[in-house]
Amino acid sequence: MLNQQKLISLSTGSKVNHYLLVVACDVKTAKNNRSYLNLELRDESQQLNCKMWDGFEVIAKEIDKGSIVKVDGIIEEFNNQQQIRINRIRASVEKDNVTAEDFLAKSSRNLDEMLSELSNRIELISNKFLKTLLNNILAGNNLKKYSNVPAGKSWHHSYLHGLLEHTLEIIRICDLMSDIHSEIDRDLLISGAALHDFGKIEELEFETGFDYTDKGRLLGHIVIASMIVNNEADKIPNFPEALKTELLHLILSHQGKLEYASPVEPKTLEAIVLYHADELSAKSNAYKYAILSEKNGQNRWTKFLHLAGTSLYIPIDENGTNQTTLFDK
């Protein structure tokens, strides 16, 4: 296990002497016609842009996305964003005993506890067709991928086990709404919640960083999940066609609007609940980590977040230091 200070805890002027994972690497030319090595490097806490202005010609040929490097440099600020100015850099070697997984963010929840929670919740489903479908899909290598893949590349739950954490949050929200509104088909809604993002096991790669696969870019997780669920439902004898159609509608409409890449908009009670549960889980997580990522500075507001369309307020306690958000309590 790495024993080094997390990037997120470093401030401008701090020295960097870290092993880091290469997310992107290329040689660029500045406005003054000077070439430089431009890198995106990360540890489990943060990803930063990095630049090296001299002596990078050899290392630029040795490393690529997914490489691990040892970096000596300093934290600087450019356009109100932290970056690393690299003085020295080398590729890691076997005796360094580091792997890509050391640099990937992970859920703060215990994986075994989350898997147990998922299993226990599936057992509560009374509809035999839906229970069989879930047990058939969420098994073996599918379950391994499902429990490891992030829920997104960078916006929300963007860490290992993130999809499972996100799904369990949505299931809890949907259970609550089913307690409030007895008209909701609880089994259908919970099944839709469990499977709505299942396609991300093939949409995202996460072995050496988080990115989209070719299949993910060409089809997207909604289509992938719908194809899998449709095929698996057809393997179950006498699976009701109407039930399959409603379940597929939950998956196809869970992003809410056509402009958000949903092939259809929610048209059932269960679908509208799932859409808003998904939004609540995703945005709460995204806003939480956007705030936490800048909590060590002196600013009262985060940088402008394009996906949120705003900057976010950073709470300050009575002593003038940033405090944890309500999401952490």
C-alpha atoms as a PDB file:
ATOM      1  CA  MET A   1       0.000   0.000   0.000  1.00  0.00           C
ATOM      2  CA  LEU A   2       1.263   3.463  -0.889  1.00  0.00           C
ATOM      3  CA  ASN A   3       2.416   5.667   1.966  1.00  0.00           C
ATOM      4  CA  GLN A   4       2.255   9.147   0.501  1.00  0.00           C
ATOM      5  CA  GLN A   5       0.244  12.283   1.125  1.00  0.00           C
ATOM      6  CA  LYS A   6      -2.904  12.539  -0.991  1.00  0.00           C
ATOM      7  CA  LEU A   7      -2.875  15.144  -3.748  1.00  0.00           C
ATOM      8  CA  ILE A   8      -6.125  16.637  -2.514  1.00  0.00           C
ATOM      9  CA  SER A   9      -4.451  17.596   0.763  1.00  0.00           C
ATOM     10  CA  LEU A  10      -1.621  19.555  -0.924  1.00  0.00           C
ATOM     11  CA  SER A  11      -1.793  23.330  -1.296  1.00  0.00           C
ATOM     12  CA  THR A  12      -0.141  25.699  -3.748  1.00  0.00           C
ATOM     13  CA  GLY A  13       3.628  25.672  -3.167  1.00  0.00           C
ATOM     14  CA  SER A  14       3.657  22.146  -1.734  1.00  0.00           C
ATOM     15  CA  LYS A  15       6.372  19.817  -2.961  1.00  0.00           C
ATOM     16  CA  VAL A  16       5.354  16.690  -4.834  1.00  0.00           C
ATOM     17  CA  ASN A  17       7.348  13.472  -4.528  1.00  0.00           C
ATOM     18  CA  HIS A  18       4.725  10.942  -5.529  1.00  0.00           C
ATOM     19  CA  TYR A  19       3.922   7.864  -7.511  1.00  0.00           C
ATOM     20  CA  LEU A  20       1.019   8.766  -9.811  1.00  0.00           C
ATOM     21  CA  LEU A  21      -1.052   7.138 -12.535  1.00  0.00           C
ATOM     22  CA  VAL A  22      -0.946   8.533 -16.072  1.00  0.00           C
ATOM     23  CA  VAL A  23      -4.458   9.360 -17.312  1.00  0.00           C
ATOM     24  CA  ALA A  24      -3.318  11.213 -20.446  1.00  0.00           C
ATOM     25  CA  CYS A  25       0.042  12.094 -21.961  1.00  0.00           C
ATOM     26  CA  ASP A  26       1.108  14.135 -24.985  1.00  0.00           C
ATOM     27  CA  VAL A  27       3.653  16.676 -26.163  1.00  0.00           C
ATOM     28  CA  LYS A  28       2.215  20.116 -26.886  1.00  0.00           C
ATOM     29  CA  THR A  29       3.510  23.438 -28.176  1.00  0.00           C
ATOM     30  CA  ALA A  30       3.032  26.651 -26.207  1.00  0.00           C
ATOM     31  CA  LYS A  31       2.191  30.026 -27.759  1.00  0.00           C
ATOM     32  CA  ASN A  32       5.896  30.931 -27.691  1.00  0.00           C
ATOM     33  CA  ASN A  33       6.588  27.832 -29.850  1.00  0.00           C
ATOM     34  CA  ARG A  34       8.185  25.974 -26.949  1.00  0.00           C
ATOM     35  CA  SER A  35       7.377  22.280 -26.646  1.00  0.00           C
ATOM     36  CA  TYR A  36       6.365  20.779 -23.304  1.00  0.00           C
ATOM     37  CA  LEU A  37       5.123  17.488 -21.880  1.00  0.00           C
ATOM     38  CA  ASN A  38       1.463  17.730 -20.885  1.00  0.00           C
ATOM     39  CA  LEU A  39       0.149  15.089 -18.499  1.00  0.00           C
ATOM     40  CA  GLU A  40      -2.986  14.284 -16.536  1.00  0.00           C
ATOM     41  CA  LEU A  41      -1.877  12.431 -13.412  1.00  0.00           C
ATOM     42  CA  ARG A  42      -3.921  11.101 -10.524  1.00  0.00           C
ATOM     43  CA  ASP A  43      -3.861   9.383  -7.187  1.00  0.00           C
ATOM     44  CA  GLU A  44      -6.941   8.002  -5.459  1.00  0.00           C
ATOM     45  CA  SER A  45      -8.002  11.458  -4.286  1.00  0.00           C
ATOM     46  CA  GLN A  46      -7.587  13.777  -7.271  1.00  0.00           C
ATOM     47  CA  GLN A  47      -6.529  14.219 -10.885  1.00  0.00           C
ATOM     48  CA  LEU A  48      -4.289  17.152 -11.819  1.00  0.00           C
ATOM     49  CA  ASN A  49      -2.859  18.613 -14.978  1.00  0.00           C
ATOM     50  CA  CYS A  50       0.945  18.481 -14.997  1.00  0.00           C
ATOM     51  CA  LYS A  51       3.568  20.117 -17.192  1.00  0.00           C
ATOM     52  CA  MET A  52       7.261  19.475 -17.767  1.00  0.00           C
ATOM     53  CA  TRP A  53       9.200  22.036 -19.781  1.00  0.00           C
ATOM     54  CA  ASP A  54      12.675  20.556 -20.041  1.00  0.00           C
ATOM     55  CA  GLY A  55      14.267  17.121 -20.407  1.00  0.00           C
ATOM     56  CA  PHE A  56      11.081  15.204 -21.193  1.00  0.00           C
ATOM     57  CA  GLU A  57      11.989  13.784 -24.604  1.00  0.00           C
ATOM     58  CA  VAL A  58      12.972  10.294 -23.393  1.00  0.00           C
ATOM     59  CA  ILE A  59      10.214   9.782 -20.831  1.00  0.00           C
ATOM     60  CA  ALA A  60       7.563  10.935 -23.322  1.00  0.00           C
ATOM     61  CA  LYS A  61       8.387   7.853 -25.415  1.00  0.00           C
ATOM     62  CA  GLU A  62       8.393   5.481 -22.428  1.00  0.00           C
ATOM     63  CA  ILE A  63       5.009   6.228 -20.863  1.00  0.00           C
ATOM     64  CA  ASP A  64       1.395   6.242 -21.968  1.00  0.00           C
ATOM     65  CA  LYS A  65      -2.098   6.121 -20.507  1.00  0.00           C
ATOM     66  CA  GLY A  66      -2.114   3.583 -17.676  1.00  0.00           C
ATOM     67  CA  SER A  67       1.596   3.951 -16.880  1.00  0.00           C
ATOM     68  CA  ILE A  68       2.724   4.625 -13.334  1.00  0.00           C
ATOM     69  CA  VAL A  69       5.345   7.320 -12.824  1.00  0.00           C
ATOM     70  CA  LYS A  70       7.400   8.749  -9.956  1.00  0.00           C
ATOM     71  CA  VAL A  71       7.183  12.539 -10.018  1.00  0.00           C
ATOM     72  CA  ASP A  72       9.236  15.237  -8.336  1.00  0.00           C
ATOM     73  CA  GLY A  73       7.721  18.701  -8.651  1.00  0.00           C
ATOM     74  CA  ILE A  74       5.695  21.459  -7.056  1.00  0.00           C
ATOM     75  CA  ILE A  75       2.035  22.454  -6.868  1.00  0.00           C
ATOM     76  CA  GLU A  76       1.386  25.662  -8.806  1.00  0.00           C
ATOM     77  CA  GLU A  77      -1.768  27.556  -9.703  1.00  0.00           C
ATOM     78  CA  PHE A  78      -2.791  28.471 -13.238  1.00  0.00           C
ATOM     79  CA  ASN A  79      -6.122  30.078 -14.125  1.00  0.00           C
ATOM     80  CA  ASN A  80      -7.308  29.431 -10.551  1.00  0.00           C
ATOM     81  CA  GLN A  81      -6.614  25.704 -10.940  1.00  0.00           C
ATOM     82  CA  GLN A  82      -3.929  23.673  -9.233  1.00  0.00           C
ATOM     83  CA  GLN A  83      -1.418  21.907 -11.440  1.00  0.00           C
ATOM     84  CA  ILE A  84       1.958  20.224 -10.984  1.00  0.00           C
ATOM     85  CA  ARG A  85       5.130  21.644 -12.450  1.00  0.00           C
ATOM     86  CA  ILE A  86       7.358  18.584 -12.951  1.00  0.00           C
ATOM     87  CA  ASN A  87      11.087  18.820 -12.324  1.00  0.00           C
ATOM     88  CA  ARG A  88      11.917  15.132 -12.638  1.00  0.00           C
ATOM     89  CA  ILE A  89       9.933  12.076 -13.677  1.00  0.00           C
ATOM     90  CA  ARG A  90      10.586   8.385 -14.231  1.00  0.00           C
ATOM     91  CA  ALA A  91       8.549   5.316 -15.049  1.00  0.00           C
ATOM     92  CA  SER A  92       7.907   2.968 -12.138  1.00  0.00           C
ATOM     93  CA  VAL A  93       9.760  -0.339 -11.937  1.00  0.00           C
ATOM     94  CA  GLU A  94       8.743  -3.684 -10.461  1.00  0.00           C
ATOM     95  CA  LYS A  95      10.565  -3.136  -7.163  1.00  0.00           C
ATOM     96  CA  ASP A  96       8.450  -0.024  -6.537  1.00  0.00           C
ATOM     97  CA  ASN A  97       5.611  -2.485  -5.832  1.00  0.00           C
ATOM     98  CA  VAL A  98       2.797  -0.249  -7.082  1.00  0.00           C
ATOM     99  CA  THR A  99      -0.222  -1.129  -9.240  1.00  0.00           C
ATOM    100  CA  ALA A 100      -2.822   0.906 -11.092  1.00  0.00           C
ATOM    101  CA  GLU A 101      -5.474   0.064  -8.497  1.00  0.00           C
ATOM    102  CA  ASP A 102      -3.437   1.966  -5.880  1.00  0.00           C
ATOM    103  CA  PHE A 103      -4.333   5.199  -7.688  1.00  0.00           C
ATOM    104  CA  LEU A 104      -8.021   4.645  -8.371  1.00  0.00           C
ATOM    105  CA  ALA A 105     -10.564   6.152  -6.025  1.00  0.00           C
ATOM    106  CA  LYS A 106     -12.707   3.641  -4.138  1.00  0.00           C
ATOM    107  CA  SER A 107     -16.057   3.786  -2.422  1.00  0.00           C
ATOM    108  CA  SER A 108     -15.847   4.581   1.283  1.00  0.00           C
ATOM    109  CA  ARG A 109     -18.424   1.833   1.894  1.00  0.00           C
ATOM    110  CA  ASN A 110     -17.310  -1.735   2.589  1.00  0.00           C
ATOM    111  CA  LEU A 111     -17.757  -3.869  -0.525  1.00  0.00           C
ATOM    112  CA  ASP A 112     -18.857  -7.025   1.298  1.00  0.00           C
ATOM    113  CA  GLU A 113     -21.471  -5.064   3.230  1.00  0.00           C
ATOM    114  CA  MET A 114     -22.829  -3.574   0.004  1.00  0.00           C
ATOM    115  CA  LEU A 115     -23.005  -6.974  -1.704  1.00  0.00           C
ATOM    116  CA  SER A 116     -24.820  -8.379   1.309  1.00  0.00           C
ATOM    117  CA  GLU A 117     -27.271  -5.472   1.242  1.00  0.00           C
ATOM    118  CA  LEU A 118     -27.981  -6.076  -2.440  1.00  0.00           C
ATOM    119  CA  SER A 119     -28.490  -9.807  -1.927  1.00  0.00           C
ATOM    120  CA  ASN A 120     -30.786  -9.264   1.036  1.00  0.00           C
ATOM    121  CA  ARG A 121     -32.871  -6.741  -0.898  1.00  0.00           C
ATOM    122  CA  ILE A 122     -33.303  -9.072  -3.860  1.00  0.00           C
ATOM    123  CA  GLU A 123     -34.521 -11.771  -1.470  1.00  0.00           C
ATOM    124  CA  LEU A 124     -37.374  -9.463  -0.417  1.00  0.00           C
ATOM    125  CA  ILE A 125     -38.790  -9.387  -3.955  1.00  0.00           C
ATOM    126  CA  SER A 126     -41.938 -11.494  -4.067  1.00  0.00           C
ATOM    127  CA  ASN A 127     -42.476 -11.549  -7.847  1.00  0.00           C
ATOM    128  CA  LYS A 128     -40.882 -14.845  -8.875  1.00  0.00           C
ATOM    129  CA  PHE A 129     -40.126 -13.700 -12.428  1.00  0.00           C
ATOM    130  CA  LEU A 130     -38.323 -10.539 -11.340  1.00  0.00           C
ATOM    131  CA  LYS A 131     -36.404 -12.331  -8.583  1.00  0.00           C
ATOM    132  CA  THR A 132     -35.259 -15.030 -11.002  1.00  0.00           C
ATOM    133  CA  LEU A 133     -34.231 -12.398 -13.552  1.00  0.00           C
ATOM    134  CA  LEU A 134     -32.168 -10.460 -11.017  1.00  0.00           C
ATOM    135  CA  ASN A 135     -30.480 -13.576  -9.661  1.00  0.00           C
ATOM    136  CA  ASN A 136     -29.649 -14.734 -13.191  1.00  0.00           C
ATOM    137  CA  ILE A 137     -28.202 -11.397 -14.302  1.00  0.00           C
ATOM    138  CA  LEU A 138     -26.431 -10.412 -11.091  1.00  0.00           C
ATOM    139  CA  ALA A 139     -24.240 -13.492 -10.826  1.00  0.00           C
ATOM    140  CA  GLY A 140     -20.760 -14.724 -11.700  1.00  0.00           C
ATOM    141  CA  ASN A 141     -18.569 -12.419 -13.769  1.00  0.00           C
ATOM    142  CA  ASN A 142     -21.471 -10.015 -14.282  1.00  0.00           C
ATOM    143  CA  LEU A 143     -21.729  -9.477 -10.525  1.00  0.00           C
ATOM    144  CA  LYS A 144     -17.955  -9.052 -10.241  1.00  0.00           C
ATOM    145  CA  LYS A 145     -18.002  -6.291 -12.856  1.00  0.00           C
ATOM    146  CA  TYR A 146     -21.203  -4.787 -11.444  1.00  0.00           C
ATOM    147  CA  SER A 147     -19.673  -4.538  -7.981  1.00  0.00           C
ATOM    148  CA  ASN A 148     -16.394  -2.989  -9.189  1.00  0.00           C
ATOM    149  CA  VAL A 149     -17.303  -0.587 -11.997  1.00  0.00           C
ATOM    150  CA  PRO A 150     -17.722   3.126 -11.219  1.00  0.00           C
ATOM    151  CA  ALA A 151     -21.106   4.719 -11.867  1.00  0.00           C
ATOM    152  CA  GLY A 152     -19.501   7.343 -14.091  1.00  0.00           C
ATOM    153  CA  LYS A 153     -16.237   8.484 -15.601  1.00  0.00           C
ATOM    154  CA  SER A 154     -15.973  11.680 -13.579  1.00  0.00           C
ATOM    155  CA  TRP A 155     -19.295  13.260 -12.530  1.00  0.00           C
ATOM    156  CA  HIS A 156     -20.830  11.083  -9.808  1.00  0.00           C
ATOM    157  CA  HIS A 157     -19.835   7.936  -7.910  1.00  0.00           C
ATOM    158  CA  SER A 158     -16.721   7.970 -10.106  1.00  0.00           C
ATOM    159  CA  TYR A 159     -14.727   5.441  -8.118  1.00  0.00           C
ATOM    160  CA  LEU A 160     -14.399   1.682  -7.818  1.00  0.00           C
ATOM    161  CA  HIS A 161     -17.614   0.079  -6.489  1.00  0.00           C
ATOM    162  CA  GLY A 162     -19.379   3.335  -7.349  1.00  0.00           C
ATOM    163  CA  LEU A 163     -22.174   1.732  -9.380  1.00  0.00           C
ATOM    164  CA  LEU A 164     -23.083  -0.615  -6.552  1.00  0.00           C
ATOM    165  CA  GLU A 165     -23.092   2.243  -4.032  1.00  0.00           C
ATOM    166  CA  HIS A 166     -25.211   4.397  -6.373  1.00  0.00           C
ATOM    167  CA  THR A 167     -27.650   1.552  -7.009  1.00  0.00           C
ATOM    168  CA  LEU A 168     -28.147   0.824  -3.323  1.00  0.00           C
ATOM    169  CA  GLU A 169     -28.853   4.508  -2.655  1.00  0.00           C
ATOM    170  CA  ILE A 170     -31.503   4.498  -5.371  1.00  0.00           C
ATOM    171  CA  ILE A 171     -33.056   1.296  -4.038  1.00  0.00           C
ATOM    172  CA  ARG A 172     -33.396   2.879  -0.589  1.00  0.00           C
ATOM    173  CA  ILE A 173     -35.028   5.976  -2.068  1.00  0.00           C
ATOM    174  CA  CYS A 174     -37.404   3.830  -4.127  1.00  0.00           C
ATOM    175  CA  ASP A 175     -38.309   1.733  -1.091  1.00  0.00           C
ATOM    176  CA  LEU A 176     -39.143   4.919   0.809  1.00  0.00           C
ATOM    177  CA  MET A 177     -41.339   6.202  -2.012  1.00  0.00           C
ATOM    178  CA  SER A 178     -43.092   2.828  -2.143  1.00  0.00           C
ATOM    179  CA  ASP A 179     -43.844   3.171   1.589  1.00  0.00           C
ATOM    180  CA  ILE A 180     -45.351   6.605   0.914  1.00  0.00           C
ATOM    181  CA  HIS A 181     -47.306   5.670  -2.204  1.00  0.00           C
ATOM    182  CA  SER A 182     -48.954   2.240  -2.001  1.00  0.00           C
ATOM    183  CA  GLU A 183     -49.912   2.438  -5.681  1.00  0.00           C
ATOM    184  CA  ILE A 184     -46.271   1.875  -6.684  1.00  0.00           C
ATOM    185  CA  ASP A 185     -45.350  -1.641  -7.810  1.00  0.00           C
ATOM    186  CA  ARG A 186     -42.457  -2.031  -5.369  1.00  0.00           C
ATOM    187  CA  ASP A 187     -40.997  -5.191  -6.915  1.00  0.00           C
ATOM    188  CA  LEU A 188     -40.994  -3.661 -10.384  1.00  0.00           C
ATOM    189  CA  LEU A 189     -39.478  -0.401  -9.179  1.00  0.00           C
ATOM    190  CA  ILE A 190     -36.715  -2.068  -7.129  1.00  0.00           C
ATOM    191  CA  SER A 191     -35.879  -4.361 -10.053  1.00  0.00           C
ATOM    192  CA  GLY A 192     -35.636  -1.359 -12.363  1.00  0.00           C
ATOM    193  CA  ALA A 193     -33.411   0.401  -9.840  1.00  0.00           C
ATOM    194  CA  ALA A 194     -31.099  -2.623  -9.600  1.00  0.00           C
ATOM    195  CA  LEU A 195     -30.775  -2.928 -13.383  1.00  0.00           C
ATOM    196  CA  HIS A 196     -31.085   0.654 -14.649  1.00  0.00           C
ATOM    197  CA  ASP A 197     -27.305   1.184 -15.004  1.00  0.00           C
ATOM    198  CA  PHE A 198     -26.318  -2.447 -15.475  1.00  0.00           C
ATOM    199  CA  GLY A 199     -25.026  -1.638 -18.975  1.00  0.00           C
ATOM    200  CA  LYS A 200     -22.154   0.279 -17.412  1.00  0.00           C
ATOM    201  CA  ILE A 201     -20.333  -3.013 -16.859  1.00  0.00           C
ATOM    202  CA  GLU A 202     -19.696  -2.919 -20.621  1.00  0.00           C
ATOM    203  CA  GLU A 203     -19.798   0.851 -21.147  1.00  0.00           C
ATOM    204  CA  LEU A 204     -16.921   1.706 -18.817  1.00  0.00           C
ATOM    205  CA  GLU A 205     -13.392   0.370 -18.388  1.00  0.00           C
ATOM    206  CA  PHE A 206     -11.786   0.699 -14.987  1.00  0.00           C
ATOM    207  CA  GLU A 207      -8.619  -1.401 -14.836  1.00  0.00           C
ATOM    208  CA  THR A 208      -6.100   1.450 -15.274  1.00  0.00           C
ATOM    209  CA  GLY A 209      -8.423   4.443 -15.090  1.00  0.00           C
ATOM    210  CA  PHE A 210     -12.001   5.337 -15.872  1.00  0.00           C
ATOM    211  CA  ASP A 211     -12.969   5.738 -19.520  1.00  0.00           C
ATOM    212  CA  TYR A 212     -15.536   4.631 -22.078  1.00  0.00           C
ATOM    213  CA  THR A 213     -15.124   1.434 -24.062  1.00  0.00           C
ATOM    214  CA  ASP A 214     -15.730   1.382 -27.818  1.00  0.00           C
ATOM    215  CA  LYS A 215     -18.994  -0.460 -27.172  1.00  0.00           C
ATOM    216  CA  GLY A 216     -19.942   2.110 -24.579  1.00  0.00           C
ATOM    217  CA  ARG A 217     -19.366   4.983 -26.968  1.00  0.00           C
ATOM    218  CA  LEU A 218     -21.217   3.295 -29.827  1.00  0.00           C
ATOM    219  CA  LEU A 219     -24.221   1.947 -27.910  1.00  0.00           C
ATOM    220  CA  GLY A 220     -24.357   3.519 -24.450  1.00  0.00           C
ATOM    221  CA  HIS A 221     -25.277   1.829 -21.180  1.00  0.00           C
ATOM    222  CA  ILE A 222     -29.042   2.247 -21.598  1.00  0.00           C
ATOM    223  CA  VAL A 223     -29.124   0.267 -24.843  1.00  0.00           C
ATOM    224  CA  ILE A 224     -26.655  -2.309 -23.520  1.00  0.00           C
ATOM    225  CA  ALA A 225     -28.711  -2.915 -20.369  1.00  0.00           C
ATOM    226  CA  SER A 226     -31.967  -3.136 -22.313  1.00  0.00           C
ATOM    227  CA  MET A 227     -30.531  -5.736 -24.682  1.00  0.00           C
ATOM    228  CA  ILE A 228     -29.226  -7.878 -21.814  1.00  0.00           C
ATOM    229  CA  VAL A 229     -32.436  -7.658 -19.775  1.00  0.00           C
ATOM    230  CA  ASN A 230     -34.600  -8.434 -22.798  1.00  0.00           C
ATOM    231  CA  ASN A 231     -32.507 -11.497 -23.694  1.00  0.00           C
ATOM    232  CA  GLU A 232     -32.375 -12.809 -20.124  1.00  0.00           C
ATOM    233  CA  ALA A 233     -36.115 -12.325 -19.587  1.00  0.00           C
ATOM    234  CA  ASP A 234     -36.803 -14.324 -22.751  1.00  0.00           C
ATOM    235  CA  LYS A 235     -34.874 -17.265 -21.278  1.00  0.00           C
ATOM    236  CA  ILE A 236     -37.280 -17.492 -18.301  1.00  0.00           C
ATOM    237  CA  PRO A 237     -40.318 -19.655 -19.111  1.00  0.00           C
ATOM    238  CA  ASN A 238     -43.609 -17.744 -19.201  1.00  0.00           C
ATOM    239  CA  PHE A 239     -42.030 -14.403 -18.246  1.00  0.00           C
ATOM    240  CA  PRO A 240     -44.993 -11.998 -18.697  1.00  0.00           C
ATOM    241  CA  GLU A 241     -44.550  -9.824 -21.786  1.00  0.00           C
ATOM    242  CA  ALA A 242     -46.247  -6.825 -20.143  1.00  0.00           C
ATOM    243  CA  LEU A 243     -43.954  -7.075 -17.107  1.00  0.00           C
ATOM    244  CA  LYS A 244     -40.883  -7.205 -19.345  1.00  0.00           C
ATOM    245  CA  THR A 245     -42.110  -4.161 -21.274  1.00  0.00           C
ATOM    246  CA  GLU A 246     -42.616  -2.123 -18.083  1.00  0.00           C
ATOM    247  CA  LEU A 247     -39.193  -3.143 -16.756  1.00  0.00           C
ATOM    248  CA  LEU A 248     -37.537  -2.183 -20.028  1.00  0.00           C
ATOM    249  CA  HIS A 249     -39.369   1.144 -19.908  1.00  0.00           C
ATOM    250  CA  LEU A 250     -37.781   1.839 -16.514  1.00  0.00           C
ATOM    251  CA  ILE A 251     -34.318   1.261 -17.971  1.00  0.00           C
ATOM    252  CA  LEU A 252     -34.968   3.186 -21.189  1.00  0.00           C
ATOM    253  CA  SER A 253     -36.474   6.230 -19.452  1.00  0.00           C
ATOM    254  CA  HIS A 254     -34.342   6.517 -16.311  1.00  0.00           C
ATOM    255  CA  GLN A 255     -32.421   9.588 -17.513  1.00  0.00           C
ATOM    256  CA  GLY A 256     -35.695  11.405 -17.786  1.00  0.00           C
ATOM    257  CA  LYS A 257     -35.527  13.414 -20.980  1.00  0.00           C
ATOM    258  CA  LEU A 258     -34.708  12.799 -24.617  1.00  0.00           C
ATOM    259  CA  GLU A 259     -31.988  15.449 -24.506  1.00  0.00           C
ATOM    260  CA  TYR A 260     -30.383  13.531 -21.611  1.00  0.00           C
ATOM    261  CA  ALA A 261     -30.069  10.434 -23.857  1.00  0.00           C
ATOM    262  CA  SER A 262     -33.178   8.609 -22.661  1.00  0.00           C
ATOM    263  CA  PRO A 263     -34.779   6.936 -25.705  1.00  0.00           C
ATOM    264  CA  VAL A 264     -38.175   7.589 -24.097  1.00  0.00           C
ATOM    265  CA  GLU A 265     -39.396   9.811 -21.261  1.00  0.00           C
ATOM    266  CA  PRO A 266     -40.951   8.334 -18.082  1.00  0.00           C
ATOM    267  CA  LYS A 267     -44.565   7.327 -18.674  1.00  0.00           C
ATOM    268  CA  THR A 268     -45.353   5.218 -15.612  1.00  0.00           C
ATOM    269  CA  LEU A 269     -45.466   5.983 -11.904  1.00  0.00           C
ATOM    270  CA  GLU A 270     -42.499   3.705 -11.271  1.00  0.00           C
ATOM    271  CA  ALA A 271     -40.496   5.309 -14.087  1.00  0.00           C
ATOM    272  CA  ILE A 272     -40.887   8.864 -12.784  1.00  0.00           C
ATOM    273  CA  VAL A 273     -39.870   7.741  -9.281  1.00  0.00           C
ATOM    274  CA  LEU A 274     -36.793   5.963 -10.632  1.00  0.00           C
ATOM    275  CA  TYR A 275     -35.765   8.983 -12.688  1.00  0.00           C
ATOM    276  CA  HIS A 276     -35.903  11.328  -9.708  1.00  0.00           C
ATOM    277  CA  ALA A 277     -34.258   8.787  -7.381  1.00  0.00           C
ATOM    278  CA  ASP A 278     -31.407   8.480  -9.878  1.00  0.00           C
ATOM    279  CA  GLU A 279     -31.085  12.252 -10.102  1.00  0.00           C
ATOM    280  CA  LEU A 280     -31.093  12.646  -6.314  1.00  0.00           C
ATOM    281  CA  SER A 281     -28.414  10.037  -5.742  1.00  0.00           C
ATOM    282  CA  ALA A 282     -26.201  11.235  -8.600  1.00  0.00           C
ATOM    283  CA  LYS A 283     -26.349  14.955  -7.887  1.00  0.00           C
ATOM    284  CA  SER A 284     -25.988  14.605  -4.125  1.00  0.00           C
ATOM    285  CA  ASN A 285     -22.828  12.567  -4.652  1.00  0.00           C
ATOM    286  CA  ALA A 286     -21.441  14.842  -7.358  1.00  0.00           C
ATOM    287  CA  TYR A 287     -22.049  18.023  -5.357  1.00  0.00           C
ATOM    288  CA  LYS A 288     -20.633  16.438  -2.209  1.00  0.00           C
ATOM    289  CA  TYR A 289     -17.329  15.524  -3.840  1.00  0.00           C
ATOM    290  CA  ALA A 290     -17.081  18.798  -5.755  1.00  0.00           C
ATOM    291  CA  ILE A 291     -17.215  20.581  -2.393  1.00  0.00           C
ATOM    292  CA  LEU A 292     -14.829  18.171  -0.677  1.00  0.00           C
ATOM    293  CA  SER A 293     -12.296  18.463  -3.508  1.00  0.00           C
ATOM    294  CA  GLU A 294     -11.811  22.166  -2.727  1.00  0.00           C
ATOM    295  CA  LYS A 295     -12.390  22.192   1.030  1.00  0.00           C
ATOM    296  CA  ASN A 296      -8.693  22.680   1.885  1.00  0.00           C
ATOM    297  CA  GLY A 297      -8.507  26.078   0.232  1.00  0.00           C
ATOM    298  CA  GLN A 298      -9.664  29.450   1.526  1.00  0.00           C
ATOM    299  CA  ASN A 299     -12.383  29.963  -1.058  1.00  0.00           C
ATOM    300  CA  ARG A 300     -16.028  30.024   0.002  1.00  0.00           C
ATOM    301  CA  TRP A 301     -17.119  28.786  -3.442  1.00  0.00           C
ATOM    302  CA  THR A 302     -15.973  26.005  -5.735  1.00  0.00           C
ATOM    303  CA  LYS A 303     -14.905  26.625  -9.301  1.00  0.00           C
ATOM    304  CA  PHE A 304     -17.738  26.812 -11.837  1.00  0.00           C
ATOM    305  CA  LEU A 305     -19.036  23.314 -12.548  1.00  0.00           C
ATOM    306  CA  HIS A 306     -20.282  23.017 -16.116  1.00  0.00           C
ATOM    307  CA  LEU A 307     -22.394  19.931 -15.441  1.00  0.00           C
ATOM    308  CA  ALA A 308     -24.039  21.663 -12.480  1.00  0.00           C
ATOM    309  CA  GLY A 309     -24.297  25.024 -14.230  1.00  0.00           C
ATOM    310  CA  THR A 310     -23.099  26.841 -11.106  1.00  0.00           C
ATOM    311  CA  SER A 311     -20.447  27.151  -8.441  1.00  0.00           C
ATOM    312  CA  LEU A 312     -21.181  25.553  -5.066  1.00  0.00           C
ATOM    313  CA  TYR A 313     -20.964  27.069  -1.604  1.00  0.00           C
ATOM    314  CA  ILE A 314     -18.303  25.599   0.692  1.00  0.00           C
ATOM    315  CA  PRO A 315     -19.513  25.597   4.324  1.00  0.00           C
ATOM    316  CA  ILE A 316     -17.202  27.245   6.847  1.00  0.00           C
ATOM    317  CA  ASP A 317     -17.367  26.403  10.551  1.00  0.00           C
ATOM    318  CA  GLU A 318     -17.178  28.944  13.386  1.00  0.00           C
ATOM    319  CA  ASN A 319     -13.389  28.691  13.511  1.00  0.00           C
ATOM    320  CA  GLY A 320     -13.159  29.731   9.873  1.00  0.00           C
ATOM    321  CA  THR A 321     -12.168  26.340   8.532  1.00  0.00           C
ATOM    322  CA  ASN A 322     -14.054  24.247   6.035  1.00  0.00           C
ATOM    323  CA  GLN A 323     -16.328  21.635   7.554  1.00  0.00           C
ATOM    324  CA  THR A 324     -17.724  18.360   6.338  1.00  0.00           C
ATOM    325  CA  THR A 325     -20.997  18.528   4.474  1.00  0.00           C
ATOM    326  CA  LEU A 326     -24.310  17.195   5.656  1.00  0.00           C
ATOM    327  CA  PHE A 327     -23.779  14.215   3.344  1.00  0.00           C
ATOM    328  CA  ASP A 328     -21.003  12.942   5.627  1.00  0.00           C
ATOM    329  CA  LYS A 329     -23.029  13.007   8.845  1.00  0.00           C
END
